[in-house]
PDB file of N, CA and C in Angstrom:
ATOM      1  N   UNK A   1      -1.008  32.423 -18.254  1.00  0.00           N
ATOM      2  CA  UNK A   1      -1.762  31.978 -17.183  1.00  0.00           C
ATOM      3  C   UNK A   1      -1.677  32.893 -16.009  1.00  0.00           C
ATOM      4  N   UNK A   2      -2.785  33.256 -15.469  1.00  0.00           N
ATOM      5  CA  UNK A   2      -2.823  34.143 -14.253  1.00  0.00           C
ATOM      6  C   UNK A   2      -2.255  33.498 -13.011  1.00  0.00           C
ATOM      7  N   UNK A   3      -1.417  34.121 -12.363  1.00  0.00           N
ATOM      8  CA  UNK A   3      -0.914  33.603 -11.058  1.00  0.00           C
ATOM      9  C   UNK A   3      -1.931  33.688  -9.935  1.00  0.00           C
ATOM     10  N   UNK A   4      -2.164  32.705  -9.192  1.00  0.00           N
ATOM     11  CA  UNK A   4      -3.069  32.794  -8.121  1.00  0.00           C
ATOM     12  C   UNK A   4      -2.622  33.687  -6.967  1.00  0.00           C
ATOM     13  N   UNK A   5      -3.591  34.537  -6.502  1.00  0.00           N
ATOM     14  CA  UNK A   5      -3.204  35.345  -5.493  1.00  0.00           C
ATOM     15  C   UNK A   5      -3.392  34.768  -4.092  1.00  0.00           C
ATOM     16  N   UNK A   6      -4.038  33.609  -4.080  1.00  0.00           N
ATOM     17  CA  UNK A   6      -4.221  32.922  -2.707  1.00  0.00           C
ATOM     18  C   UNK A   6      -3.414  31.661  -2.635  1.00  0.00           C
ATOM     19  N   UNK A   7      -3.049  31.348  -1.483  1.00  0.00           N
ATOM     20  CA  UNK A   7      -2.415  30.081  -1.201  1.00  0.00           C
ATOM     21  C   UNK A   7      -3.264  29.324  -0.106  1.00  0.00           C
ATOM     22  N   UNK A   8      -3.014  28.045   0.068  1.00  0.00           N
ATOM     23  CA  UNK A   8      -3.901  27.257   0.937  1.00  0.00           C
ATOM     24  C   UNK A   8      -3.840  27.818   2.360  1.00  0.00           C
ATOM     25  N   UNK A   9      -2.778  28.421   2.776  1.00  0.00           N
ATOM     26  CA  UNK A   9      -2.747  28.757   4.204  1.00  0.00           C
ATOM     27  C   UNK A   9      -3.458  30.077   4.350  1.00  0.00           C
ATOM     28  N   UNK A  10      -3.937  30.724   3.333  1.00  0.00           N
ATOM     29  CA  UNK A  10      -4.841  31.854   3.473  1.00  0.00           C
ATOM     30  C   UNK A  10      -6.221  31.430   3.983  1.00  0.00           C
ATOM     31  N   UNK A  11      -6.589  30.191   3.894  1.00  0.00           N
ATOM     32  CA  UNK A  11      -7.812  29.774   4.274  1.00  0.00           C
ATOM     33  C   UNK A  11      -7.832  29.065   5.645  1.00  0.00           C
ATOM     34  N   UNK A  12      -9.016  29.112   6.312  1.00  0.00           N
ATOM     35  CA  UNK A  12      -9.100  28.341   7.608  1.00  0.00           C
ATOM     36  C   UNK A  12      -9.297  26.879   7.283  1.00  0.00           C
ATOM     37  N   UNK A  13      -9.117  26.070   8.272  1.00  0.00           N
ATOM     38  CA  UNK A  13      -9.312  24.585   8.004  1.00  0.00           C
ATOM     39  C   UNK A  13     -10.669  24.350   7.483  1.00  0.00           C
ATOM     40  N   UNK A  14     -11.757  24.921   7.937  1.00  0.00           N
ATOM     41  CA  UNK A  14     -13.059  24.688   7.405  1.00  0.00           C
ATOM     42  C   UNK A  14     -13.213  25.239   6.014  1.00  0.00           C
ATOM     43  N   UNK A  15     -12.671  26.355   5.671  1.00  0.00           N
ATOM     44  CA  UNK A  15     -12.782  26.948   4.302  1.00  0.00           C
ATOM     45  C   UNK A  15     -12.027  25.975   3.422  1.00  0.00           C
ATOM     46  N   UNK A  16     -10.806  25.497   3.826  1.00  0.00           N
ATOM     47  CA  UNK A  16     -10.080  24.652   2.900  1.00  0.00           C
ATOM     48  C   UNK A  16     -10.798  23.304   2.694  1.00  0.00           C
ATOM     49  N   UNK A  17     -11.320  22.749   3.766  1.00  0.00           N
ATOM     50  CA  UNK A  17     -12.150  21.564   3.630  1.00  0.00           C
ATOM     51  C   UNK A  17     -13.386  21.809   2.629  1.00  0.00           C
ATOM     52  N   UNK A  18     -14.030  22.991   2.745  1.00  0.00           N
ATOM     53  CA  UNK A  18     -15.067  23.219   1.816  1.00  0.00           C
ATOM     54  C   UNK A  18     -14.655  23.273   0.417  1.00  0.00           C
ATOM     55  N   UNK A  19     -13.528  23.985   0.151  1.00  0.00           N
ATOM     56  CA  UNK A  19     -12.945  24.119  -1.164  1.00  0.00           C
ATOM     57  C   UNK A  19     -12.637  22.700  -1.692  1.00  0.00           C
ATOM     58  N   UNK A  20     -11.955  21.809  -0.936  1.00  0.00           N
ATOM     59  CA  UNK A  20     -11.726  20.497  -1.355  1.00  0.00           C
ATOM     60  C   UNK A  20     -12.900  19.639  -1.676  1.00  0.00           C
ATOM     61  N   UNK A  21     -13.894  19.775  -0.876  1.00  0.00           N
ATOM     62  CA  UNK A  21     -15.170  19.025  -1.177  1.00  0.00           C
ATOM     63  C   UNK A  21     -15.832  19.553  -2.487  1.00  0.00           C
ATOM     64  N   UNK A  22     -15.801  20.830  -2.697  1.00  0.00           N
ATOM     65  CA  UNK A  22     -16.309  21.431  -3.926  1.00  0.00           C
ATOM     66  C   UNK A  22     -15.576  20.854  -5.148  1.00  0.00           C
ATOM     67  N   UNK A  23     -14.260  20.890  -4.983  1.00  0.00           N
ATOM     68  CA  UNK A  23     -13.375  20.352  -6.033  1.00  0.00           C
ATOM     69  C   UNK A  23     -13.716  18.996  -6.362  1.00  0.00           C
ATOM     70  N   UNK A  24     -13.815  18.041  -5.394  1.00  0.00           N
ATOM     71  CA  UNK A  24     -14.155  16.649  -5.600  1.00  0.00           C
ATOM     72  C   UNK A  24     -15.407  16.496  -6.239  1.00  0.00           C
ATOM     73  N   UNK A  25     -16.436  17.193  -5.791  1.00  0.00           N
ATOM     74  CA  UNK A  25     -17.783  17.170  -6.406  1.00  0.00           C
ATOM     75  C   UNK A  25     -17.698  17.575  -7.881  1.00  0.00           C
ATOM     76  N   UNK A  26     -17.096  18.667  -8.154  1.00  0.00           N
ATOM     77  CA  UNK A  26     -17.122  19.237  -9.530  1.00  0.00           C
ATOM     78  C   UNK A  26     -16.244  18.374 -10.426  1.00  0.00           C
ATOM     79  N   UNK A  27     -15.147  17.824  -9.951  1.00  0.00           N
ATOM     80  CA  UNK A  27     -14.194  16.945 -10.690  1.00  0.00           C
ATOM     81  C   UNK A  27     -14.970  15.689 -11.139  1.00  0.00           C
ATOM     82  N   UNK A  28     -15.658  15.024 -10.155  1.00  0.00           N
ATOM     83  CA  UNK A  28     -16.452  13.831 -10.456  1.00  0.00           C
ATOM     84  C   UNK A  28     -17.507  14.095 -11.465  1.00  0.00           C
ATOM     85  N   UNK A  29     -18.248  15.255 -11.308  1.00  0.00           N
ATOM     86  CA  UNK A  29     -19.256  15.599 -12.154  1.00  0.00           C
ATOM     87  C   UNK A  29     -18.775  15.859 -13.618  1.00  0.00           C
ATOM     88  N   UNK A  30     -17.577  16.349 -13.745  1.00  0.00           N
ATOM     89  CA  UNK A  30     -16.991  16.619 -15.103  1.00  0.00           C
ATOM     90  C   UNK A  30     -16.482  15.474 -15.834  1.00  0.00           C
ATOM     91  N   UNK A  31     -16.296  14.326 -15.121  1.00  0.00           N
ATOM     92  CA  UNK A  31     -15.728  13.080 -15.758  1.00  0.00           C
ATOM     93  C   UNK A  31     -16.836  12.301 -16.439  1.00  0.00           C
ATOM     94  N   UNK A  32     -16.316  11.726 -17.563  1.00  0.00           N
ATOM     95  CA  UNK A  32     -17.303  10.809 -18.335  1.00  0.00           C
ATOM     96  C   UNK A  32     -17.365   9.460 -17.575  1.00  0.00           C
ATOM     97  N   UNK A  33     -18.325   8.607 -17.916  1.00  0.00           N
ATOM     98  CA  UNK A  33     -18.449   7.315 -17.361  1.00  0.00           C
ATOM     99  C   UNK A  33     -17.161   6.491 -17.518  1.00  0.00           C
ATOM    100  N   UNK A  34     -16.653   6.580 -18.766  1.00  0.00           N
ATOM    101  CA  UNK A  34     -15.359   5.838 -19.054  1.00  0.00           C
ATOM    102  C   UNK A  34     -14.249   6.325 -18.163  1.00  0.00           C
ATOM    103  N   UNK A  35     -14.152   7.612 -18.018  1.00  0.00           N
ATOM    104  CA  UNK A  35     -13.052   8.189 -17.215  1.00  0.00           C
ATOM    105  C   UNK A  35     -13.238   7.826 -15.705  1.00  0.00           C
ATOM    106  N   UNK A  36     -14.476   7.805 -15.252  1.00  0.00           N
ATOM    107  CA  UNK A  36     -14.755   7.381 -13.894  1.00  0.00           C
ATOM    108  C   UNK A  36     -14.342   5.923 -13.695  1.00  0.00           C
ATOM    109  N   UNK A  37     -14.696   5.021 -14.562  1.00  0.00           N
ATOM    110  CA  UNK A  37     -14.405   3.668 -14.511  1.00  0.00           C
ATOM    111  C   UNK A  37     -12.873   3.437 -14.460  1.00  0.00           C
ATOM    112  N   UNK A  38     -12.178   4.202 -15.313  1.00  0.00           N
ATOM    113  CA  UNK A  38     -10.680   3.962 -15.485  1.00  0.00           C
ATOM    114  C   UNK A  38     -10.064   4.482 -14.129  1.00  0.00           C
ATOM    115  N   UNK A  39     -10.507   5.657 -13.674  1.00  0.00           N
ATOM    116  CA  UNK A  39      -9.983   6.262 -12.449  1.00  0.00           C
ATOM    117  C   UNK A  39     -10.176   5.283 -11.233  1.00  0.00           C
ATOM    118  N   UNK A  40     -11.378   4.785 -11.147  1.00  0.00           N
ATOM    119  CA  UNK A  40     -11.717   3.816  -9.943  1.00  0.00           C
ATOM    120  C   UNK A  40     -10.836   2.593 -10.099  1.00  0.00           C
ATOM    121  N   UNK A  41     -10.682   2.090 -11.302  1.00  0.00           N
ATOM    122  CA  UNK A  41      -9.843   0.899 -11.499  1.00  0.00           C
ATOM    123  C   UNK A  41      -8.401   1.172 -11.029  1.00  0.00           C
ATOM    124  N   UNK A  42      -7.924   2.284 -11.397  1.00  0.00           N
ATOM    125  CA  UNK A  42      -6.474   2.761 -11.013  1.00  0.00           C
ATOM    126  C   UNK A  42      -6.376   2.723  -9.489  1.00  0.00           C
ATOM    127  N   UNK A  43      -7.366   3.323  -8.829  1.00  0.00           N
ATOM    128  CA  UNK A  43      -7.344   3.534  -7.326  1.00  0.00           C
ATOM    129  C   UNK A  43      -7.484   2.148  -6.684  1.00  0.00           C
ATOM    130  N   UNK A  44      -8.383   1.256  -7.092  1.00  0.00           N
ATOM    131  CA  UNK A  44      -8.572  -0.043  -6.475  1.00  0.00           C
ATOM    132  C   UNK A  44      -7.264  -0.820  -6.764  1.00  0.00           C
ATOM    133  N   UNK A  45      -6.802  -0.842  -7.928  1.00  0.00           N
ATOM    134  CA  UNK A  45      -5.597  -1.571  -8.321  1.00  0.00           C
ATOM    135  C   UNK A  45      -4.408  -1.138  -7.428  1.00  0.00           C
ATOM    136  N   UNK A  46      -4.284   0.110  -7.231  1.00  0.00           N
ATOM    137  CA  UNK A  46      -3.166   0.649  -6.277  1.00  0.00           C
ATOM    138  C   UNK A  46      -3.470   0.169  -4.876  1.00  0.00           C
ATOM    139  N   UNK A  47      -4.689   0.237  -4.456  1.00  0.00           N
ATOM    140  CA  UNK A  47      -5.030  -0.096  -3.061  1.00  0.00           C
ATOM    141  C   UNK A  47      -4.808  -1.630  -2.868  1.00  0.00           C
ATOM    142  N   UNK A  48      -5.072  -2.474  -3.856  1.00  0.00           N
ATOM    143  CA  UNK A  48      -4.975  -3.940  -3.644  1.00  0.00           C
ATOM    144  C   UNK A  48      -3.493  -4.384  -3.993  1.00  0.00           C
ATOM    145  N   UNK A  49      -2.976  -3.934  -5.120  1.00  0.00           N
ATOM    146  CA  UNK A  49      -1.738  -4.546  -5.590  1.00  0.00           C
ATOM    147  C   UNK A  49      -0.443  -3.909  -4.967  1.00  0.00           C
ATOM    148  N   UNK A  50      -0.563  -2.736  -4.496  1.00  0.00           N
ATOM    149  CA  UNK A  50       0.673  -2.029  -3.963  1.00  0.00           C
ATOM    150  C   UNK A  50       0.792  -2.003  -2.450  1.00  0.00           C
ATOM    151  N   UNK A  51       0.367  -3.132  -1.845  1.00  0.00           N
ATOM    152  CA  UNK A  51       0.430  -3.215  -0.368  1.00  0.00           C
ATOM    153  C   UNK A  51       1.851  -3.311   0.034  1.00  0.00           C
ATOM    154  N   UNK A  52       2.187  -2.660   1.119  1.00  0.00           N
ATOM    155  CA  UNK A  52       3.517  -2.478   1.605  1.00  0.00           C
ATOM    156  C   UNK A  52       3.956  -3.400   2.693  1.00  0.00           C
ATOM    157  N   UNK A  53       3.071  -3.528   3.689  1.00  0.00           N
ATOM    158  CA  UNK A  53       3.420  -4.398   4.796  1.00  0.00           C
ATOM    159  C   UNK A  53       2.298  -5.383   5.180  1.00  0.00           C
ATOM    160  N   UNK A  54       2.477  -6.100   6.188  1.00  0.00           N
ATOM    161  CA  UNK A  54       1.495  -7.116   6.520  1.00  0.00           C
ATOM    162  C   UNK A  54       0.140  -6.572   6.902  1.00  0.00           C
ATOM    163  N   UNK A  55       0.058  -5.409   7.524  1.00  0.00           N
ATOM    164  CA  UNK A  55      -1.159  -4.766   7.868  1.00  0.00           C
ATOM    165  C   UNK A  55      -1.919  -4.382   6.596  1.00  0.00           C
ATOM    166  N   UNK A  56      -1.251  -3.837   5.675  1.00  0.00           N
ATOM    167  CA  UNK A  56      -2.015  -3.453   4.366  1.00  0.00           C
ATOM    168  C   UNK A  56      -2.334  -4.697   3.635  1.00  0.00           C
ATOM    169  N   UNK A  57      -1.534  -5.792   3.721  1.00  0.00           N
ATOM    170  CA  UNK A  57      -1.901  -7.064   2.966  1.00  0.00           C
ATOM    171  C   UNK A  57      -3.086  -7.545   3.638  1.00  0.00           C
ATOM    172  N   UNK A  58      -3.238  -7.592   4.982  1.00  0.00           N
ATOM    173  CA  UNK A  58      -4.439  -8.018   5.683  1.00  0.00           C
ATOM    174  C   UNK A  58      -5.688  -7.245   5.312  1.00  0.00           C
ATOM    175  N   UNK A  59      -5.528  -5.903   5.179  1.00  0.00           N
ATOM    176  CA  UNK A  59      -6.608  -5.057   4.835  1.00  0.00           C
ATOM    177  C   UNK A  59      -7.087  -5.400   3.503  1.00  0.00           C
ATOM    178  N   UNK A  60      -6.186  -5.614   2.500  1.00  0.00           N
ATOM    179  CA  UNK A  60      -6.567  -5.948   1.122  1.00  0.00           C
ATOM    180  C   UNK A  60      -7.273  -7.366   1.113  1.00  0.00           C
ATOM    181  N   UNK A  61      -6.774  -8.284   1.909  1.00  0.00           N
ATOM    182  CA  UNK A  61      -7.364  -9.604   2.075  1.00  0.00           C
ATOM    183  C   UNK A  61      -8.876  -9.467   2.558  1.00  0.00           C
ATOM    184  N   UNK A  62      -9.038  -8.649   3.562  1.00  0.00           N
ATOM    185  CA  UNK A  62     -10.397  -8.438   4.047  1.00  0.00           C
ATOM    186  C   UNK A  62     -11.332  -7.847   2.995  1.00  0.00           C
ATOM    187  N   UNK A  63     -10.751  -6.933   2.284  1.00  0.00           N
ATOM    188  CA  UNK A  63     -11.569  -6.270   1.194  1.00  0.00           C
ATOM    189  C   UNK A  63     -11.964  -7.154   0.102  1.00  0.00           C
ATOM    190  N   UNK A  64     -11.068  -8.118  -0.274  1.00  0.00           N
ATOM    191  CA  UNK A  64     -11.309  -9.111  -1.321  1.00  0.00           C
ATOM    192  C   UNK A  64     -12.302 -10.116  -0.765  1.00  0.00           C
ATOM    193  N   UNK A  65     -12.163 -10.511   0.512  1.00  0.00           N
ATOM    194  CA  UNK A  65     -13.051 -11.430   1.172  1.00  0.00           C
ATOM    195  C   UNK A  65     -14.509 -10.980   1.218  1.00  0.00           C
ATOM    196  N   UNK A  66     -14.652  -9.735   1.569  1.00  0.00           N
ATOM    197  CA  UNK A  66     -15.851  -9.078   1.719  1.00  0.00           C
ATOM    198  C   UNK A  66     -16.569  -9.010   0.354  1.00  0.00           C
ATOM    199  N   UNK A  67     -15.718  -8.678  -0.636  1.00  0.00           N
ATOM    200  CA  UNK A  67     -16.324  -8.581  -2.037  1.00  0.00           C
ATOM    201  C   UNK A  67     -16.752  -9.903  -2.640  1.00  0.00           C
ATOM    202  N   UNK A  68     -15.849 -10.902  -2.473  1.00  0.00           N
ATOM    203  CA  UNK A  68     -16.307 -12.216  -3.102  1.00  0.00           C
ATOM    204  C   UNK A  68     -17.249 -12.930  -2.255  1.00  0.00           C
ATOM    205  N   UNK A  69     -17.290 -12.670  -0.935  1.00  0.00           N
ATOM    206  CA  UNK A  69     -18.248 -13.375  -0.093  1.00  0.00           C
ATOM    207  C   UNK A  69     -18.090 -14.831  -0.020  1.00  0.00           C
ATOM    208  N   UNK A  70     -19.184 -15.583  -0.223  1.00  0.00           N
ATOM    209  CA  UNK A  70     -19.159 -17.028  -0.040  1.00  0.00           C
ATOM    210  C   UNK A  70     -18.269 -17.763  -1.137  1.00  0.00           C
ATOM    211  N   UNK A  71     -18.036 -17.102  -2.192  1.00  0.00           N
ATOM    212  CA  UNK A  71     -17.216 -17.616  -3.277  1.00  0.00           C
ATOM    213  C   UNK A  71     -15.795 -17.508  -3.038  1.00  0.00           C
ATOM    214  N   UNK A  72     -15.346 -16.722  -2.010  1.00  0.00           N
ATOM    215  CA  UNK A  72     -13.956 -16.479  -1.795  1.00  0.00           C
ATOM    216  C   UNK A  72     -13.006 -17.744  -1.713  1.00  0.00           C
ATOM    217  N   UNK A  73     -13.524 -18.682  -0.864  1.00  0.00           N
ATOM    218  CA  UNK A  73     -12.765 -19.931  -0.701  1.00  0.00           C
ATOM    219  C   UNK A  73     -12.577 -20.718  -1.967  1.00  0.00           C
ATOM    220  N   UNK A  74     -13.678 -20.774  -2.730  1.00  0.00           N
ATOM    221  CA  UNK A  74     -13.664 -21.533  -3.967  1.00  0.00           C
ATOM    222  C   UNK A  74     -12.651 -20.804  -5.026  1.00  0.00           C
ATOM    223  N   UNK A  75     -12.662 -19.516  -5.041  1.00  0.00           N
ATOM    224  CA  UNK A  75     -11.774 -18.844  -5.852  1.00  0.00           C
ATOM    225  C   UNK A  75     -10.379 -19.051  -5.491  1.00  0.00           C
ATOM    226  N   UNK A  76     -10.102 -19.015  -4.179  1.00  0.00           N
ATOM    227  CA  UNK A  76      -8.696 -19.358  -3.639  1.00  0.00           C
ATOM    228  C   UNK A  76      -8.270 -20.725  -4.031  1.00  0.00           C
ATOM    229  N   UNK A  77      -9.177 -21.699  -3.880  1.00  0.00           N
ATOM    230  CA  UNK A  77      -8.748 -23.029  -4.315  1.00  0.00           C
ATOM    231  C   UNK A  77      -8.528 -23.299  -5.733  1.00  0.00           C
ATOM    232  N   UNK A  78      -9.363 -22.511  -6.620  1.00  0.00           N
ATOM    233  CA  UNK A  78      -9.063 -22.534  -8.097  1.00  0.00           C
ATOM    234  C   UNK A  78      -7.738 -21.947  -8.424  1.00  0.00           C
ATOM    235  N   UNK A  79      -7.331 -20.815  -7.729  1.00  0.00           N
ATOM    236  CA  UNK A  79      -5.995 -20.149  -7.927  1.00  0.00           C
ATOM    237  C   UNK A  79      -4.870 -21.011  -7.433  1.00  0.00           C
ATOM    238  N   UNK A  80      -5.059 -21.685  -6.268  1.00  0.00           N
ATOM    239  CA  UNK A  80      -4.076 -22.512  -5.752  1.00  0.00           C
ATOM    240  C   UNK A  80      -3.846 -23.686  -6.690  1.00  0.00           C
ATOM    241  N   UNK A  81      -4.935 -24.295  -7.236  1.00  0.00           N
ATOM    242  CA  UNK A  81      -4.753 -25.393  -8.209  1.00  0.00           C
ATOM    243  C   UNK A  81      -4.089 -24.907  -9.526  1.00  0.00           C
ATOM    244  N   UNK A  82      -4.437 -23.823 -10.013  1.00  0.00           N
ATOM    245  CA  UNK A  82      -3.950 -23.247 -11.285  1.00  0.00           C
ATOM    246  C   UNK A  82      -2.386 -22.916 -11.069  1.00  0.00           C
ATOM    247  N   UNK A  83      -2.018 -22.368  -9.915  1.00  0.00           N
ATOM    248  CA  UNK A  83      -0.615 -22.055  -9.722  1.00  0.00           C
ATOM    249  C   UNK A  83       0.030 -22.842  -8.675  1.00  0.00           C
ATOM    250  N   UNK A  84      -0.280 -24.204  -8.624  1.00  0.00           N
ATOM    251  CA  UNK A  84       0.211 -25.094  -7.601  1.00  0.00           C
ATOM    252  C   UNK A  84       1.792 -25.243  -7.621  1.00  0.00           C
ATOM    253  N   UNK A  85       2.348 -24.957  -8.659  1.00  0.00           N
ATOM    254  CA  UNK A  85       3.847 -25.132  -8.738  1.00  0.00           C
ATOM    255  C   UNK A  85       4.575 -23.865  -8.140  1.00  0.00           C
ATOM    256  N   UNK A  86       3.825 -22.756  -7.823  1.00  0.00           N
ATOM    257  CA  UNK A  86       4.358 -21.623  -7.169  1.00  0.00           C
ATOM    258  C   UNK A  86       4.631 -21.899  -5.700  1.00  0.00           C
ATOM    259  N   UNK A  87       5.680 -21.431  -5.133  1.00  0.00           N
ATOM    260  CA  UNK A  87       6.003 -21.527  -3.691  1.00  0.00           C
ATOM    261  C   UNK A  87       5.265 -20.483  -3.000  1.00  0.00           C
ATOM    262  N   UNK A  88       4.744 -20.886  -1.827  1.00  0.00           N
ATOM    263  CA  UNK A  88       4.031 -19.915  -0.939  1.00  0.00           C
ATOM    264  C   UNK A  88       5.048 -19.089  -0.176  1.00  0.00           C
ATOM    265  N   UNK A  89       5.219 -17.833  -0.596  1.00  0.00           N
ATOM    266  CA  UNK A  89       6.181 -16.982   0.016  1.00  0.00           C
ATOM    267  C   UNK A  89       5.871 -16.569   1.394  1.00  0.00           C
ATOM    268  N   UNK A  90       4.686 -16.561   1.809  1.00  0.00           N
ATOM    269  CA  UNK A  90       4.331 -16.115   3.165  1.00  0.00           C
ATOM    270  C   UNK A  90       4.630 -17.158   4.178  1.00  0.00           C
ATOM    271  N   UNK A  91       4.734 -18.444   3.825  1.00  0.00           N
ATOM    272  CA  UNK A  91       5.106 -19.449   4.681  1.00  0.00           C
ATOM    273  C   UNK A  91       6.567 -19.440   5.007  1.00  0.00           C
ATOM    274  N   UNK A  92       7.342 -18.871   4.097  1.00  0.00           N
ATOM    275  CA  UNK A  92       8.786 -18.786   4.168  1.00  0.00           C
ATOM    276  C   UNK A  92       9.201 -17.411   4.619  1.00  0.00           C
ATOM    277  N   UNK A  93       8.272 -16.614   5.108  1.00  0.00           N
ATOM    278  CA  UNK A  93       8.550 -15.253   5.616  1.00  0.00           C
ATOM    279  C   UNK A  93       9.551 -15.325   6.789  1.00  0.00           C
ATOM    280  N   UNK A  94      10.492 -14.374   6.850  1.00  0.00           N
ATOM    281  CA  UNK A  94      11.538 -14.308   7.836  1.00  0.00           C
ATOM    282  C   UNK A  94      10.962 -13.640   9.088  1.00  0.00           C
ATOM    283  N   UNK A  95      11.201 -14.244  10.212  1.00  0.00           N
ATOM    284  CA  UNK A  95      10.723 -13.721  11.486  1.00  0.00           C
ATOM    285  C   UNK A  95      11.431 -12.432  11.731  1.00  0.00           C
ATOM    286  N   UNK A  96      10.632 -11.260  11.974  1.00  0.00           N
ATOM    287  CA  UNK A  96      11.375 -10.064  12.231  1.00  0.00           C
ATOM    288  C   UNK A  96      12.243 -10.038  13.364  1.00  0.00           C
ATOM    289  N   UNK A  97      11.859 -10.781  14.370  1.00  0.00           N
ATOM    290  CA  UNK A  97      12.758 -10.724  15.623  1.00  0.00           C
ATOM    291  C   UNK A  97      14.108 -11.504  15.277  1.00  0.00           C
ATOM    292  N   UNK A  98      13.952 -12.574  14.538  1.00  0.00           N
ATOM    293  CA  UNK A  98      15.151 -13.289  14.268  1.00  0.00           C
ATOM    294  C   UNK A  98      16.062 -12.466  13.366  1.00  0.00           C
ATOM    295  N   UNK A  99      15.475 -11.764  12.444  1.00  0.00           N
ATOM    296  CA  UNK A  99      16.169 -10.881  11.489  1.00  0.00           C
ATOM    297  C   UNK A  99      16.958  -9.845  12.305  1.00  0.00           C
ATOM    298  N   UNK A 100      16.223  -9.230  13.322  1.00  0.00           N
ATOM    299  CA  UNK A 100      16.877  -8.160  14.117  1.00  0.00           C
ATOM    300  C   UNK A 100      18.102  -8.719  14.891  1.00  0.00           C
ATOM    301  N   UNK A 101      17.860  -9.939  15.474  1.00  0.00           N
ATOM    302  CA  UNK A 101      18.957 -10.556  16.212  1.00  0.00           C
ATOM    303  C   UNK A 101      20.180 -10.839  15.313  1.00  0.00           C
ATOM    304  N   UNK A 102      19.941 -11.347  14.107  1.00  0.00           N
ATOM    305  CA  UNK A 102      21.053 -11.590  13.201  1.00  0.00           C
ATOM    306  C   UNK A 102      21.766 -10.234  12.858  1.00  0.00           C
ATOM    307  N   UNK A 103      20.967  -9.228  12.651  1.00  0.00           N
ATOM    308  CA  UNK A 103      21.601  -7.924  12.307  1.00  0.00           C
ATOM    309  C   UNK A 103      22.507  -7.432  13.504  1.00  0.00           C
ATOM    310  N   UNK A 104      21.965  -7.553  14.682  1.00  0.00           N
ATOM    311  CA  UNK A 104      22.717  -7.083  15.881  1.00  0.00           C
ATOM    312  C   UNK A 104      23.973  -7.915  15.958  1.00  0.00           C
ATOM    313  N   UNK A 105      23.929  -9.299  15.739  1.00  0.00           N
ATOM    314  CA  UNK A 105      25.080 -10.127  15.822  1.00  0.00           C
ATOM    315  C   UNK A 105      26.108  -9.697  14.755  1.00  0.00           C
ATOM    316  N   UNK A 106      25.616  -9.383  13.556  1.00  0.00           N
ATOM    317  CA  UNK A 106      26.500  -9.003  12.492  1.00  0.00           C
ATOM    318  C   UNK A 106      27.186  -7.720  12.793  1.00  0.00           C
ATOM    319  N   UNK A 107      26.453  -6.751  13.410  1.00  0.00           N
ATOM    320  CA  UNK A 107      26.963  -5.438  13.809  1.00  0.00           C
ATOM    321  C   UNK A 107      28.068  -5.598  14.898  1.00  0.00           C
ATOM    322  N   UNK A 108      27.837  -6.567  15.818  1.00  0.00           N
ATOM    323  CA  UNK A 108      28.816  -6.778  16.861  1.00  0.00           C
ATOM    324  C   UNK A 108      30.053  -7.365  16.301  1.00  0.00           C
ATOM    325  N   UNK A 109      29.949  -8.255  15.326  1.00  0.00           N
ATOM    326  CA  UNK A 109      31.234  -8.868  14.694  1.00  0.00           C
ATOM    327  C   UNK A 109      31.953  -7.727  13.999  1.00  0.00           C
ATOM    328  N   UNK A 110      31.220  -6.824  13.312  1.00  0.00           N
ATOM    329  CA  UNK A 110      31.910  -5.729  12.578  1.00  0.00           C
ATOM    330  C   UNK A 110      32.579  -4.790  13.552  1.00  0.00           C
ATOM    331  N   UNK A 111      32.008  -4.615  14.684  1.00  0.00           N
ATOM    332  CA  UNK A 111      32.632  -3.710  15.651  1.00  0.00           C
ATOM    333  C   UNK A 111      33.760  -4.406  16.342  1.00  0.00           C
ATOM    334  N   UNK A 112      33.927  -5.620  16.397  1.00  0.00           N
ATOM    335  CA  UNK A 112      35.069  -6.362  16.999  1.00  0.00           C
ATOM    336  C   UNK A 112      36.267  -6.254  16.077  1.00  0.00           C
ATOM    337  N   UNK A 113      36.008  -6.176  14.788  1.00  0.00           N
ATOM    338  CA  UNK A 113      37.069  -5.991  13.871  1.00  0.00           C
ATOM    339  C   UNK A 113      37.796  -4.627  14.070  1.00  0.00           C
ATOM    340  N   UNK A 114      39.134  -4.692  14.142  1.00  0.00           N
ATOM    341  CA  UNK A 114      39.828  -3.426  14.412  1.00  0.00           C
ATOM    342  C   UNK A 114      40.330  -2.903  13.050  1.00  0.00           C
ATOM    343  N   UNK A 115      40.256  -1.534  12.941  1.00  0.00           N
ATOM    344  CA  UNK A 115      40.912  -0.983  11.759  1.00  0.00           C
ATOM    345  C   UNK A 115      42.458  -1.067  11.834  1.00  0.00           C
ATOM    346  N   UNK A 116      43.046  -1.387  10.761  1.00  0.00           N
ATOM    347  CA  UNK A 116      44.492  -1.590  10.850  1.00  0.00           C
ATOM    348  C   UNK A 116      45.234  -0.371  11.188  1.00  0.00           C
ATOM    349  N   UNK A 117      44.650   0.835  11.135  1.00  0.00           N
ATOM    350  CA  UNK A 117      45.241   2.066  11.340  1.00  0.00           C
ATOM    351  C   UNK A 117      45.081   2.423  12.870  1.00  0.00           C
ATOM    352  N   UNK A 118      44.212   1.700  13.580  1.00  0.00           N
ATOM    353  CA  UNK A 118      44.018   2.075  15.015  1.00  0.00           C
ATOM    354  C   UNK A 118      45.112   1.359  15.825  1.00  0.00           C
ATOM    355  N   UNK A 119      45.818   2.089  16.654  1.00  0.00           N
ATOM    356  CA  UNK A 119      46.826   1.449  17.447  1.00  0.00           C
ATOM    357  C   UNK A 119      46.532   1.707  18.904  1.00  0.00           C
TER     358      UNK A 119
END
């Protein structure tokens, strides 16, 4: 395999953006319908299922709400009924401020303990 003589920093921002756009266009054109569907499913699954914080969870919620439209509430009710024995984790969410206060208190207690070697 031939070693590339260029690296990304050899290009200006505009040139690099053009190269990236060309790559995206050619990559999509080269994919079969099945490959496109599988790729899009992976991207959407990652976007919706791998939310990290409250903000991302709310963004995923809006995305689902927009997609399902008027059926969204009915779908939620069906899911709640089907999994009614599950506990609602978001209602039991720990208050971040309370968690920080507990951590500060715990650290203060740890600082009050003296090392047996300190005289």
